[in-house]
Amino acid sequence: MKEDVRRNLAKKALEMRKMAYTPYSHFKVGAALLCEDGSVYTGCNIENAAFTPGNCAERTAIFKAVSEGKRKFRAIAIAGGKENGSEP
């Protein structure tokens, strides 16, 4: 994979991290999924008050891609961290 493609995926994952909804853990994660055809689908983690903590970023990106007919993937970038910059 070309370096510019890798960097673009990482950039999109970092951007999506800002969209995460994490009122409980405050651990934000973003993901960018590269499909075989070159399209990119992004996602973030989403928490809820139910027993299970929610949906992870990579699942969100995959669900979006699959819901639009994509079935073949080349790469995924995932970026995560606490809101204040510290790691768990």
PDB file of N, CA and C in Angstrom:
ATOM      1  N   MET A   1       0.839  -1.169   0.000  1.00  0.00           N
ATOM      2  CA  MET A   1       0.000   0.000   0.000  1.00  0.00           C
ATOM      3  C   MET A   1       0.890   1.240   0.000  1.00  0.00           C
ATOM      4  N   LYS A   2       0.507   2.220  -0.780  1.00  0.00           N
ATOM      5  CA  LYS A   2       1.286   3.454  -0.868  1.00  0.00           C
ATOM      6  C   LYS A   2       1.199   4.241   0.433  1.00  0.00           C
ATOM      7  N   GLU A   3       2.271   4.948   0.735  1.00  0.00           N
ATOM      8  CA  GLU A   3       2.354   5.711   1.979  1.00  0.00           C
ATOM      9  C   GLU A   3       1.282   6.795   2.061  1.00  0.00           C
ATOM     10  N   ASP A   4       0.958   7.452   0.944  1.00  0.00           N
ATOM     11  CA  ASP A   4      -0.058   8.503   0.984  1.00  0.00           C
ATOM     12  C   ASP A   4      -1.438   7.928   1.305  1.00  0.00           C
ATOM     13  N   VAL A   5      -1.718   6.732   0.839  1.00  0.00           N
ATOM     14  CA  VAL A   5      -2.991   6.073   1.148  1.00  0.00           C
ATOM     15  C   VAL A   5      -3.032   5.729   2.634  1.00  0.00           C
ATOM     16  N   ARG A   6      -1.945   5.211   3.149  1.00  0.00           N
ATOM     17  CA  ARG A   6      -1.850   4.861   4.570  1.00  0.00           C
ATOM     18  C   ARG A   6      -2.035   6.110   5.439  1.00  0.00           C
ATOM     19  N   ARG A   7      -1.385   7.187   5.069  1.00  0.00           N
ATOM     20  CA  ARG A   7      -1.507   8.433   5.843  1.00  0.00           C
ATOM     21  C   ARG A   7      -2.927   8.995   5.785  1.00  0.00           C
ATOM     22  N   ASN A   8      -3.560   8.910   4.619  1.00  0.00           N
ATOM     23  CA  ASN A   8      -4.930   9.387   4.475  1.00  0.00           C
ATOM     24  C   ASN A   8      -5.878   8.595   5.378  1.00  0.00           C
ATOM     25  N   LEU A   9      -5.703   7.286   5.427  1.00  0.00           N
ATOM     26  CA  LEU A   9      -6.533   6.461   6.312  1.00  0.00           C
ATOM     27  C   LEU A   9      -6.322   6.854   7.772  1.00  0.00           C
ATOM     28  N   ALA A  10      -5.079   7.032   8.166  1.00  0.00           N
ATOM     29  CA  ALA A  10      -4.777   7.416   9.543  1.00  0.00           C
ATOM     30  C   ALA A  10      -5.384   8.780   9.873  1.00  0.00           C
ATOM     31  N   LYS A  11      -5.297   9.715   8.949  1.00  0.00           N
ATOM     32  CA  LYS A  11      -5.869  11.050   9.158  1.00  0.00           C
ATOM     33  C   LYS A  11      -7.379  10.968   9.346  1.00  0.00           C
ATOM     34  N   LYS A  12      -8.041  10.182   8.510  1.00  0.00           N
ATOM     35  CA  LYS A  12      -9.493  10.032   8.619  1.00  0.00           C
ATOM     36  C   LYS A  12      -9.886   9.363   9.937  1.00  0.00           C
ATOM     37  N   ALA A  13      -9.103   8.384  10.377  1.00  0.00           N
ATOM     38  CA  ALA A  13      -9.384   7.728  11.657  1.00  0.00           C
ATOM     39  C   ALA A  13      -9.260   8.730  12.806  1.00  0.00           C
ATOM     40  N   LEU A  14      -8.232   9.565  12.772  1.00  0.00           N
ATOM     41  CA  LEU A  14      -8.062  10.590  13.807  1.00  0.00           C
ATOM     42  C   LEU A  14      -9.203  11.594  13.783  1.00  0.00           C
ATOM     43  N   GLU A  15      -9.653  11.979  12.594  1.00  0.00           N
ATOM     44  CA  GLU A  15     -10.777  12.910  12.480  1.00  0.00           C
ATOM     45  C   GLU A  15     -12.047  12.297  13.064  1.00  0.00           C
ATOM     46  N   MET A  16     -12.280  11.030  12.791  1.00  0.00           N
ATOM     47  CA  MET A  16     -13.487  10.372  13.282  1.00  0.00           C
ATOM     48  C   MET A  16     -13.472  10.190  14.793  1.00  0.00           C
ATOM     49  N   ARG A  17     -12.299  10.130  15.369  1.00  0.00           N
ATOM     50  CA  ARG A  17     -12.193  10.016  16.824  1.00  0.00           C
ATOM     51  C   ARG A  17     -12.924  11.167  17.505  1.00  0.00           C
ATOM     52  N   LYS A  18     -12.898  12.331  16.896  1.00  0.00           N
ATOM     53  CA  LYS A  18     -13.575  13.508  17.452  1.00  0.00           C
ATOM     54  C   LYS A  18     -15.092  13.343  17.463  1.00  0.00           C
ATOM     55  N   MET A  19     -15.621  12.460  16.618  1.00  0.00           N
ATOM     56  CA  MET A  19     -17.064  12.261  16.510  1.00  0.00           C
ATOM     57  C   MET A  19     -17.595  11.221  17.499  1.00  0.00           C
ATOM     58  N   ALA A  20     -16.710  10.522  18.189  1.00  0.00           N
ATOM     59  CA  ALA A  20     -17.120   9.449  19.097  1.00  0.00           C
ATOM     60  C   ALA A  20     -18.031   9.977  20.203  1.00  0.00           C
ATOM     61  N   TYR A  21     -18.981   9.142  20.593  1.00  0.00           N
ATOM     62  CA  TYR A  21     -19.892   9.461  21.692  1.00  0.00           C
ATOM     63  C   TYR A  21     -19.548   8.530  22.852  1.00  0.00           C
ATOM     64  N   THR A  22     -18.819   9.051  23.840  1.00  0.00           N
ATOM     65  CA  THR A  22     -18.297   8.213  24.924  1.00  0.00           C
ATOM     66  C   THR A  22     -18.523   8.861  26.295  1.00  0.00           C
ATOM     67  N   PRO A  23     -19.780   9.030  26.709  1.00  0.00           N
ATOM     68  CA  PRO A  23     -20.046   9.705  27.979  1.00  0.00           C
ATOM     69  C   PRO A  23     -19.635   8.905  29.215  1.00  0.00           C
ATOM     70  N   TYR A  24     -19.342   7.625  29.070  1.00  0.00           N
ATOM     71  CA  TYR A  24     -19.008   6.782  30.223  1.00  0.00           C
ATOM     72  C   TYR A  24     -17.508   6.532  30.339  1.00  0.00           C
ATOM     73  N   SER A  25     -16.887   6.073  29.289  1.00  0.00           N
ATOM     74  CA  SER A  25     -15.456   5.748  29.347  1.00  0.00           C
ATOM     75  C   SER A  25     -14.564   6.929  28.985  1.00  0.00           C
ATOM     76  N   HIS A  26     -15.095   7.850  28.202  1.00  0.00           N
ATOM     77  CA  HIS A  26     -14.329   8.983  27.672  1.00  0.00           C
ATOM     78  C   HIS A  26     -13.153   8.517  26.815  1.00  0.00           C
ATOM     79  N   PHE A  27     -13.213   7.281  26.334  1.00  0.00           N
ATOM     80  CA  PHE A  27     -12.176   6.725  25.465  1.00  0.00           C
ATOM     81  C   PHE A  27     -12.703   6.759  24.038  1.00  0.00           C
ATOM     82  N   LYS A  28     -12.193   7.686  23.251  1.00  0.00           N
ATOM     83  CA  LYS A  28     -12.692   7.921  21.898  1.00  0.00           C
ATOM     84  C   LYS A  28     -11.869   7.144  20.875  1.00  0.00           C
ATOM     85  N   VAL A  29     -12.573   6.525  19.927  1.00  0.00           N
ATOM     86  CA  VAL A  29     -11.917   5.749  18.882  1.00  0.00           C
ATOM     87  C   VAL A  29     -12.531   6.111  17.539  1.00  0.00           C
ATOM     88  N   GLY A  30     -11.677   6.267  16.544  1.00  0.00           N
ATOM     89  CA  GLY A  30     -12.117   6.490  15.175  1.00  0.00           C
ATOM     90  C   GLY A  30     -11.510   5.433  14.274  1.00  0.00           C
ATOM     91  N   ALA A  31     -12.186   5.132  13.178  1.00  0.00           N
ATOM     92  CA  ALA A  31     -11.685   4.129  12.240  1.00  0.00           C
ATOM     93  C   ALA A  31     -11.951   4.583  10.812  1.00  0.00           C
ATOM     94  N   ALA A  32     -11.081   4.157   9.910  1.00  0.00           N
ATOM     95  CA  ALA A  32     -11.252   4.408   8.478  1.00  0.00           C
ATOM     96  C   ALA A  32     -10.970   3.094   7.751  1.00  0.00           C
ATOM     97  N   LEU A  33     -11.937   2.644   6.979  1.00  0.00           N
ATOM     98  CA  LEU A  33     -11.881   1.359   6.288  1.00  0.00           C
ATOM     99  C   LEU A  33     -11.715   1.588   4.790  1.00  0.00           C
ATOM    100  N   LEU A  34     -10.673   1.021   4.217  1.00  0.00           N
ATOM    101  CA  LEU A  34     -10.408   1.134   2.783  1.00  0.00           C
ATOM    102  C   LEU A  34     -10.977  -0.089   2.082  1.00  0.00           C
ATOM    103  N   CYS A  35     -11.880   0.144   1.151  1.00  0.00           N
ATOM    104  CA  CYS A  35     -12.483  -0.940   0.380  1.00  0.00           C
ATOM    105  C   CYS A  35     -11.617  -1.258  -0.835  1.00  0.00           C
ATOM    106  N   GLU A  36     -11.845  -2.426  -1.394  1.00  0.00           N
ATOM    107  CA  GLU A  36     -11.059  -2.861  -2.547  1.00  0.00           C
ATOM    108  C   GLU A  36     -11.168  -1.889  -3.724  1.00  0.00           C
ATOM    109  N   ASP A  37     -12.327  -1.233  -3.871  1.00  0.00           N
ATOM    110  CA  ASP A  37     -12.527  -0.303  -4.984  1.00  0.00           C
ATOM    111  C   ASP A  37     -11.957   1.089  -4.720  1.00  0.00           C
ATOM    112  N   GLY A  38     -11.325   1.290  -3.561  1.00  0.00           N
ATOM    113  CA  GLY A  38     -10.717   2.578  -3.231  1.00  0.00           C
ATOM    114  C   GLY A  38     -11.588   3.487  -2.384  1.00  0.00           C
ATOM    115  N   SER A  39     -12.845   3.138  -2.194  1.00  0.00           N
ATOM    116  CA  SER A  39     -13.707   3.961  -1.352  1.00  0.00           C
ATOM    117  C   SER A  39     -13.325   3.775   0.113  1.00  0.00           C
ATOM    118  N   VAL A  40     -13.613   4.798   0.915  1.00  0.00           N
ATOM    119  CA  VAL A  40     -13.268   4.775   2.336  1.00  0.00           C
ATOM    120  C   VAL A  40     -14.530   5.025   3.152  1.00  0.00           C
ATOM    121  N   TYR A  41     -14.735   4.198   4.161  1.00  0.00           N
ATOM    122  CA  TYR A  41     -15.852   4.352   5.086  1.00  0.00           C
ATOM    123  C   TYR A  41     -15.275   4.571   6.471  1.00  0.00           C
ATOM    124  N   THR A  42     -15.861   5.516   7.190  1.00  0.00           N
ATOM    125  CA  THR A  42     -15.351   5.863   8.507  1.00  0.00           C
ATOM    126  C   THR A  42     -16.366   5.505   9.582  1.00  0.00           C
ATOM    127  N   GLY A  43     -15.881   5.433  10.810  1.00  0.00           N
ATOM    128  CA  GLY A  43     -16.761   5.163  11.937  1.00  0.00           C
ATOM    129  C   GLY A  43     -16.115   5.603  13.232  1.00  0.00           C
ATOM    130  N   CYS A  44     -16.929   5.675  14.267  1.00  0.00           N
ATOM    131  CA  CYS A  44     -16.442   6.009  15.602  1.00  0.00           C
ATOM    132  C   CYS A  44     -17.149   5.119  16.606  1.00  0.00           C
ATOM    133  N   ASN A  45     -16.604   5.060  17.824  1.00  0.00           N
ATOM    134  CA  ASN A  45     -17.288   4.266  18.835  1.00  0.00           C
ATOM    135  C   ASN A  45     -18.447   5.058  19.419  1.00  0.00           C
ATOM    136  N   ILE A  46     -19.492   4.316  19.795  1.00  0.00           N
ATOM    137  CA  ILE A  46     -20.719   4.912  20.307  1.00  0.00           C
ATOM    138  C   ILE A  46     -21.134   4.125  21.544  1.00  0.00           C
ATOM    139  N   GLU A  47     -21.150   4.791  22.697  1.00  0.00           N
ATOM    140  CA  GLU A  47     -21.548   4.134  23.940  1.00  0.00           C
ATOM    141  C   GLU A  47     -23.016   4.395  24.233  1.00  0.00           C
ATOM    142  N   ASN A  48     -23.597   3.485  25.031  1.00  0.00           N
ATOM    143  CA  ASN A  48     -24.962   3.696  25.498  1.00  0.00           C
ATOM    144  C   ASN A  48     -25.076   3.201  26.933  1.00  0.00           C
ATOM    145  N   ALA A  49     -26.215   3.403  27.547  1.00  0.00           N
ATOM    146  CA  ALA A  49     -26.401   3.057  28.954  1.00  0.00           C
ATOM    147  C   ALA A  49     -26.711   1.583  29.173  1.00  0.00           C
ATOM    148  N   ALA A  50     -26.860   0.814  28.121  1.00  0.00           N
ATOM    149  CA  ALA A  50     -27.141  -0.618  28.255  1.00  0.00           C
ATOM    150  C   ALA A  50     -25.933  -1.341  28.844  1.00  0.00           C
ATOM    151  N   PHE A  51     -26.137  -2.585  29.261  1.00  0.00           N
ATOM    152  CA  PHE A  51     -25.056  -3.364  29.871  1.00  0.00           C
ATOM    153  C   PHE A  51     -23.849  -3.459  28.947  1.00  0.00           C
ATOM    154  N   THR A  52     -24.075  -3.765  27.690  1.00  0.00           N
ATOM    155  CA  THR A  52     -22.954  -3.780  26.746  1.00  0.00           C
ATOM    156  C   THR A  52     -22.584  -2.342  26.447  1.00  0.00           C
ATOM    157  N   PRO A  53     -21.303  -2.041  26.377  1.00  0.00           N
ATOM    158  CA  PRO A  53     -20.879  -0.644  26.310  1.00  0.00           C
ATOM    159  C   PRO A  53     -21.222   0.106  25.028  1.00  0.00           C
ATOM    160  N   GLY A  54     -21.577  -0.561  23.967  1.00  0.00           N
ATOM    161  CA  GLY A  54     -21.909   0.149  22.738  1.00  0.00           C
ATOM    162  C   GLY A  54     -21.298  -0.509  21.529  1.00  0.00           C
ATOM    163  N   ASN A  55     -20.993   0.295  20.547  1.00  0.00           N
ATOM    164  CA  ASN A  55     -20.466  -0.205  19.282  1.00  0.00           C
ATOM    165  C   ASN A  55     -19.075   0.378  19.048  1.00  0.00           C
ATOM    166  N   CYS A  56     -18.125  -0.474  18.689  1.00  0.00           N
ATOM    167  CA  CYS A  56     -16.762   0.006  18.462  1.00  0.00           C
ATOM    168  C   CYS A  56     -16.637   0.686  17.092  1.00  0.00           C
ATOM    169  N   ALA A  57     -15.612   1.472  16.940  1.00  0.00           N
ATOM    170  CA  ALA A  57     -15.405   2.269  15.728  1.00  0.00           C
ATOM    171  C   ALA A  57     -15.259   1.411  14.482  1.00  0.00           C
ATOM    172  N   GLU A  58     -14.481   0.331  14.587  1.00  0.00           N
ATOM    173  CA  GLU A  58     -14.258  -0.495  13.406  1.00  0.00           C
ATOM    174  C   GLU A  58     -15.535  -1.199  12.960  1.00  0.00           C
ATOM    175  N   ARG A  59     -16.361  -1.615  13.920  1.00  0.00           N
ATOM    176  CA  ARG A  59     -17.650  -2.211  13.554  1.00  0.00           C
ATOM    177  C   ARG A  59     -18.537  -1.182  12.871  1.00  0.00           C
ATOM    178  N   THR A  60     -18.544   0.043  13.379  1.00  0.00           N
ATOM    179  CA  THR A  60     -19.350   1.094  12.763  1.00  0.00           C
ATOM    180  C   THR A  60     -18.943   1.299  11.310  1.00  0.00           C
ATOM    181  N   ALA A  61     -17.643   1.389  11.047  1.00  0.00           N
ATOM    182  CA  ALA A  61     -17.158   1.578   9.671  1.00  0.00           C
ATOM    183  C   ALA A  61     -17.534   0.390   8.790  1.00  0.00           C
ATOM    184  N   ILE A  62     -17.369  -0.819   9.309  1.00  0.00           N
ATOM    185  CA  ILE A  62     -17.708  -2.014   8.528  1.00  0.00           C
ATOM    186  C   ILE A  62     -19.206  -2.075   8.271  1.00  0.00           C
ATOM    187  N   PHE A  63     -20.021  -1.790   9.284  1.00  0.00           N
ATOM    188  CA  PHE A  63     -21.471  -1.789   9.091  1.00  0.00           C
ATOM    189  C   PHE A  63     -21.880  -0.793   8.010  1.00  0.00           C
ATOM    190  N   LYS A  64     -21.286   0.401   8.029  1.00  0.00           N
ATOM    191  CA  LYS A  64     -21.608   1.407   7.012  1.00  0.00           C
ATOM    192  C   LYS A  64     -21.262   0.895   5.623  1.00  0.00           C
ATOM    193  N   ALA A  65     -20.073   0.322   5.481  1.00  0.00           N
ATOM    194  CA  ALA A  65     -19.634  -0.171   4.172  1.00  0.00           C
ATOM    195  C   ALA A  65     -20.524  -1.308   3.684  1.00  0.00           C
ATOM    196  N   VAL A  66     -20.781  -2.270   4.541  1.00  0.00           N
ATOM    197  CA  VAL A  66     -21.599  -3.422   4.149  1.00  0.00           C
ATOM    198  C   VAL A  66     -23.019  -2.984   3.816  1.00  0.00           C
ATOM    199  N   SER A  67     -23.556  -2.015   4.560  1.00  0.00           N
ATOM    200  CA  SER A  67     -24.919  -1.546   4.286  1.00  0.00           C
ATOM    201  C   SER A  67     -25.035  -0.862   2.928  1.00  0.00           C
ATOM    202  N   GLU A  68     -23.889  -0.485   2.353  1.00  0.00           N
ATOM    203  CA  GLU A  68     -23.885   0.123   1.023  1.00  0.00           C
ATOM    204  C   GLU A  68     -23.332  -0.824  -0.033  1.00  0.00           C
ATOM    205  N   GLY A  69     -23.301  -2.115   0.292  1.00  0.00           N
ATOM    206  CA  GLY A  69     -22.953  -3.122  -0.700  1.00  0.00           C
ATOM    207  C   GLY A  69     -21.493  -3.512  -0.795  1.00  0.00           C
ATOM    208  N   LYS A  70     -20.643  -2.951   0.029  1.00  0.00           N
ATOM    209  CA  LYS A  70     -19.215  -3.288  -0.023  1.00  0.00           C
ATOM    210  C   LYS A  70     -18.978  -4.604   0.709  1.00  0.00           C
ATOM    211  N   ARG A  71     -18.142  -5.450   0.124  1.00  0.00           N
ATOM    212  CA  ARG A  71     -17.858  -6.755   0.725  1.00  0.00           C
ATOM    213  C   ARG A  71     -16.369  -7.092   0.762  1.00  0.00           C
ATOM    214  N   LYS A  72     -15.545  -6.324   0.049  1.00  0.00           N
ATOM    215  CA  LYS A  72     -14.114  -6.615  -0.004  1.00  0.00           C
ATOM    216  C   LYS A  72     -13.338  -5.400   0.494  1.00  0.00           C
ATOM    217  N   PHE A  73     -12.425  -5.667   1.444  1.00  0.00           N
ATOM    218  CA  PHE A  73     -11.695  -4.596   2.106  1.00  0.00           C
ATOM    219  C   PHE A  73     -10.196  -4.816   1.994  1.00  0.00           C
ATOM    220  N   ARG A  74      -9.453  -3.713   1.958  1.00  0.00           N
ATOM    221  CA  ARG A  74      -7.992  -3.781   1.824  1.00  0.00           C
ATOM    222  C   ARG A  74      -7.259  -3.450   3.106  1.00  0.00           C
ATOM    223  N   ALA A  75      -7.773  -2.483   3.873  1.00  0.00           N
ATOM    224  CA  ALA A  75      -7.050  -2.044   5.073  1.00  0.00           C
ATOM    225  C   ALA A  75      -7.991  -1.285   5.995  1.00  0.00           C
ATOM    226  N   ILE A  76      -7.574  -1.179   7.253  1.00  0.00           N
ATOM    227  CA  ILE A  76      -8.313  -0.359   8.215  1.00  0.00           C
ATOM    228  C   ILE A  76      -7.306   0.358   9.110  1.00  0.00           C
ATOM    229  N   ALA A  77      -7.607   1.617   9.422  1.00  0.00           N
ATOM    230  CA  ALA A  77      -6.807   2.394  10.376  1.00  0.00           C
ATOM    231  C   ALA A  77      -7.693   2.678  11.578  1.00  0.00           C
ATOM    232  N   ILE A  78      -7.127   2.549  12.763  1.00  0.00           N
ATOM    233  CA  ILE A  78      -7.875   2.771  13.996  1.00  0.00           C
ATOM    234  C   ILE A  78      -7.052   3.683  14.896  1.00  0.00           C
ATOM    235  N   ALA A  79      -7.706   4.733  15.426  1.00  0.00           N
ATOM    236  CA  ALA A  79      -7.033   5.682  16.322  1.00  0.00           C
ATOM    237  C   ALA A  79      -7.869   5.822  17.579  1.00  0.00           C
ATOM    238  N   GLY A  80      -7.237   5.713  18.746  1.00  0.00           N
ATOM    239  CA  GLY A  80      -7.991   5.814  19.989  1.00  0.00           C
ATOM    240  C   GLY A  80      -7.216   6.505  21.080  1.00  0.00           C
ATOM    241  N   GLY A  81      -7.941   6.941  22.095  1.00  0.00           N
ATOM    242  CA  GLY A  81      -7.316   7.558  23.249  1.00  0.00           C
ATOM    243  C   GLY A  81      -8.327   8.271  24.119  1.00  0.00           C
ATOM    244  N   LYS A  82      -7.928   8.589  25.331  1.00  0.00           N
ATOM    245  CA  LYS A  82      -8.780   9.318  26.265  1.00  0.00           C
ATOM    246  C   LYS A  82      -8.970  10.757  25.789  1.00  0.00           C
ATOM    247  N   GLU A  83     -10.078  11.363  26.204  1.00  0.00           N
ATOM    248  CA  GLU A  83     -10.367  12.745  25.818  1.00  0.00           C
ATOM    249  C   GLU A  83      -9.258  13.696  26.246  1.00  0.00           C
ATOM    250  N   ASN A  84      -8.671  13.453  27.407  1.00  0.00           N
ATOM    251  CA  ASN A  84      -7.643  14.361  27.917  1.00  0.00           C
ATOM    252  C   ASN A  84      -6.242  14.015  27.424  1.00  0.00           C
ATOM    253  N   GLY A  85      -6.150  13.036  26.527  1.00  0.00           N
ATOM    254  CA  GLY A  85      -4.860  12.684  25.949  1.00  0.00           C
ATOM    255  C   GLY A  85      -4.152  11.537  26.624  1.00  0.00           C
ATOM    256  N   SER A  86      -4.618  11.119  27.803  1.00  0.00           N
ATOM    257  CA  SER A  86      -3.972  10.003  28.490  1.00  0.00           C
ATOM    258  C   SER A  86      -4.551   8.677  28.018  1.00  0.00           C
ATOM    259  N   GLU A  87      -3.790   7.642  28.173  1.00  0.00           N
ATOM    260  CA  GLU A  87      -4.233   6.306  27.786  1.00  0.00           C
ATOM    261  C   GLU A  87      -4.755   5.574  29.014  1.00  0.00           C
ATOM    262  N   PRO A  88      -5.619   4.567  28.842  1.00  0.00           N
ATOM    263  CA  PRO A  88      -6.160   3.837  30.002  1.00  0.00           C
ATOM    264  C   PRO A  88      -5.088   2.985  30.674  1.00  0.00           C
TER     265      PRO A  88
END
